[in-house]
Structures are given as C-alpha cells and as structure tokens.
C-alpha atoms as a PDB file:
ATOM      1  CA  UNK A   1       0.069  -0.097   0.047  1.00  0.00           C
ATOM      2  CA  UNK A   2       1.252   3.507  -0.978  1.00  0.00           C
ATOM      3  CA  UNK A   3       0.575   6.098   1.671  1.00  0.00           C
ATOM      4  CA  UNK A   4       0.272   9.659   0.676  1.00  0.00           C
ATOM      5  CA  UNK A   5       0.545  12.863   2.685  1.00  0.00           C
ATOM      6  CA  UNK A   6      -2.496  14.269   1.686  1.00  0.00           C
ATOM      7  CA  UNK A   7      -4.420  15.577   4.735  1.00  0.00           C
ATOM      8  CA  UNK A   8      -7.912  14.343   4.029  1.00  0.00           C
ATOM      9  CA  UNK A   9      -6.905  10.984   2.597  1.00  0.00           C
ATOM     10  CA  UNK A  10      -8.396   7.870   4.087  1.00  0.00           C
ATOM     11  CA  UNK A  11      -5.722   5.169   4.928  1.00  0.00           C
ATOM     12  CA  UNK A  12      -6.767   1.684   5.086  1.00  0.00           C
ATOM     13  CA  UNK A  13      -4.660  -1.318   6.933  1.00  0.00           C
ATOM     14  CA  UNK A  14      -3.466  -4.142   4.271  1.00  0.00           C
ATOM     15  CA  UNK A  15      -6.145  -6.689   5.942  1.00  0.00           C
ATOM     16  CA  UNK A  16      -8.810  -4.141   6.100  1.00  0.00           C
ATOM     17  CA  UNK A  17      -7.999  -3.115   2.393  1.00  0.00           C
ATOM     18  CA  UNK A  18      -7.832  -6.799   1.360  1.00  0.00           C
ATOM     19  CA  UNK A  19     -11.188  -7.454   3.235  1.00  0.00           C
ATOM     20  CA  UNK A  20     -12.830  -4.376   1.275  1.00  0.00           C
ATOM     21  CA  UNK A  21     -11.685  -5.434  -2.069  1.00  0.00           C
ATOM     22  CA  UNK A  22     -12.806  -9.011  -1.575  1.00  0.00           C
ATOM     23  CA  UNK A  23     -16.181  -7.646  -0.528  1.00  0.00           C
ATOM     24  CA  UNK A  24     -16.431  -5.572  -3.862  1.00  0.00           C
ATOM     25  CA  UNK A  25     -15.323  -8.257  -5.806  1.00  0.00           C
ATOM     26  CA  UNK A  26     -17.908 -10.801  -4.210  1.00  0.00           C
ATOM     27  CA  UNK A  27     -20.840  -8.457  -4.573  1.00  0.00           C
ATOM     28  CA  UNK A  28     -24.207  -9.890  -5.453  1.00  0.00           C
ATOM     29  CA  UNK A  29     -24.367  -8.072  -8.526  1.00  0.00           C
ATOM     30  CA  UNK A  30     -21.244  -7.877 -11.164  1.00  0.00           C
ATOM     31  CA  UNK A  31     -19.909  -4.615 -12.422  1.00  0.00           C
ATOM     32  CA  UNK A  32     -21.314  -4.202 -15.832  1.00  0.00           C
ATOM     33  CA  UNK A  33     -19.962  -2.026 -18.633  1.00  0.00           C
ATOM     34  CA  UNK A  34     -23.275  -1.177 -20.325  1.00  0.00           C
ATOM     35  CA  UNK A  35     -24.488   0.090 -16.704  1.00  0.00           C
ATOM     36  CA  UNK A  36     -21.147   2.457 -16.482  1.00  0.00           C
ATOM     37  CA  UNK A  37     -21.848   3.631 -19.734  1.00  0.00           C
ATOM     38  CA  UNK A  38     -25.388   4.340 -18.974  1.00  0.00           C
ATOM     39  CA  UNK A  39     -24.516   6.325 -15.924  1.00  0.00           C
ATOM     40  CA  UNK A  40     -21.908   8.418 -17.679  1.00  0.00           C
ATOM     41  CA  UNK A  41     -24.253   9.080 -20.538  1.00  0.00           C
ATOM     42  CA  UNK A  42     -26.722  10.350 -17.945  1.00  0.00           C
ATOM     43  CA  UNK A  43     -24.178  12.539 -16.335  1.00  0.00           C
ATOM     44  CA  UNK A  44     -23.306  13.941 -19.635  1.00  0.00           C
ATOM     45  CA  UNK A  45     -26.916  14.656 -20.708  1.00  0.00           C
ATOM     46  CA  UNK A  46     -27.518  16.338 -17.414  1.00  0.00           C
ATOM     47  CA  UNK A  47     -24.217  18.609 -17.737  1.00  0.00           C
ATOM     48  CA  UNK A  48     -25.498  19.295 -21.264  1.00  0.00           C
ATOM     49  CA  UNK A  49     -28.984  20.505 -20.290  1.00  0.00           C
ATOM     50  CA  UNK A  50     -27.500  22.624 -17.335  1.00  0.00           C
ATOM     51  CA  UNK A  51     -25.059  24.375 -19.857  1.00  0.00           C
ATOM     52  CA  UNK A  52     -27.978  24.933 -21.891  1.00  0.00           C
ATOM     53  CA  UNK A  53     -30.133  26.463 -19.348  1.00  0.00           C
ATOM     54  CA  UNK A  54     -27.191  28.720 -18.109  1.00  0.00           C
ATOM     55  CA  UNK A  55     -26.887  29.855 -21.542  1.00  0.00           C
ATOM     56  CA  UNK A  56     -30.348  30.588 -22.334  1.00  0.00           C
ATOM     57  CA  UNK A  57     -30.465  32.486 -18.955  1.00  0.00           C
ATOM     58  CA  UNK A  58     -27.188  34.559 -20.114  1.00  0.00           C
ATOM     59  CA  UNK A  59     -28.948  35.364 -23.628  1.00  0.00           C
ATOM     60  CA  UNK A  60     -32.158  36.409 -21.729  1.00  0.00           C
ATOM     61  CA  UNK A  61     -30.441  38.454 -19.142  1.00  0.00           C
ATOM     62  CA  UNK A  62     -28.706  40.152 -22.160  1.00  0.00           C
ATOM     63  CA  UNK A  63     -31.740  40.853 -23.917  1.00  0.00           C
ATOM     64  CA  UNK A  64     -33.504  42.363 -20.764  1.00  0.00           C
ATOM     65  CA  UNK A  65     -30.517  44.832 -20.376  1.00  0.00           C
ATOM     66  CA  UNK A  66     -30.514  45.599 -24.044  1.00  0.00           C
ATOM     67  CA  UNK A  67     -34.203  46.520 -24.073  1.00  0.00           C
ATOM     68  CA  UNK A  68     -33.796  48.427 -20.777  1.00  0.00           C
ATOM     69  CA  UNK A  69     -30.990  50.811 -21.926  1.00  0.00           C
ATOM     70  CA  UNK A  70     -29.884  51.066 -25.670  1.00  0.00           C
ATOM     71  CA  UNK A  71     -26.833  52.217 -24.887  1.00  0.00           C
ATOM     72  CA  UNK A  72     -26.076  48.890 -23.522  1.00  0.00           C
ATOM     73  CA  UNK A  73     -22.761  46.739 -24.838  1.00  0.00           C
ATOM     74  CA  UNK A  74     -21.400  43.532 -23.869  1.00  0.00           C
ATOM     75  CA  UNK A  75     -18.318  44.832 -22.428  1.00  0.00           C
ATOM     76  CA  UNK A  76     -18.392  45.139 -18.718  1.00  0.00           C
ATOM     77  CA  UNK A  77     -16.083  48.368 -18.474  1.00  0.00           C
END
C-alpha cells in the first residue's frame, strides 16, 4: 500500500483493504460495462442540459439589459 501525505486521504490497513476489495469483488451484482456507460451518458446529458439552461439565462439577461438601455454593450467596463 502506498501512503500519501494528503490530509484528507483515508488510509486502510492491508487486512482491511483486502477485506474491502474481497467484498467488492464478491458483490451479488457484477460490474457491467453497459451500466457504466449508461451512468456516464446520464451525467453527460444532465451537464449538457444545465449548460444549455445557463446559456439561455445569459442570453435572456443580455436581452433584458439591452431592452432597458439602448446604450448597452457587452463589455463590462
């Protein structure tokens, strides 16, 4: 086991690490590549939707500012 000097890293003894990995490997449901791809796909979809909503909010805020003041420019100074 390689110990790091990070303050928040959790260190396990060799016996505890073996028991933990043994439990993970013998779990009742095997790891699935398809399931992993599905999880990653869901995460990417949520990130894309959040980015799209953020961009729409920025565009709407600029349009509102432009309608309030015809001298509006995109430069912040």
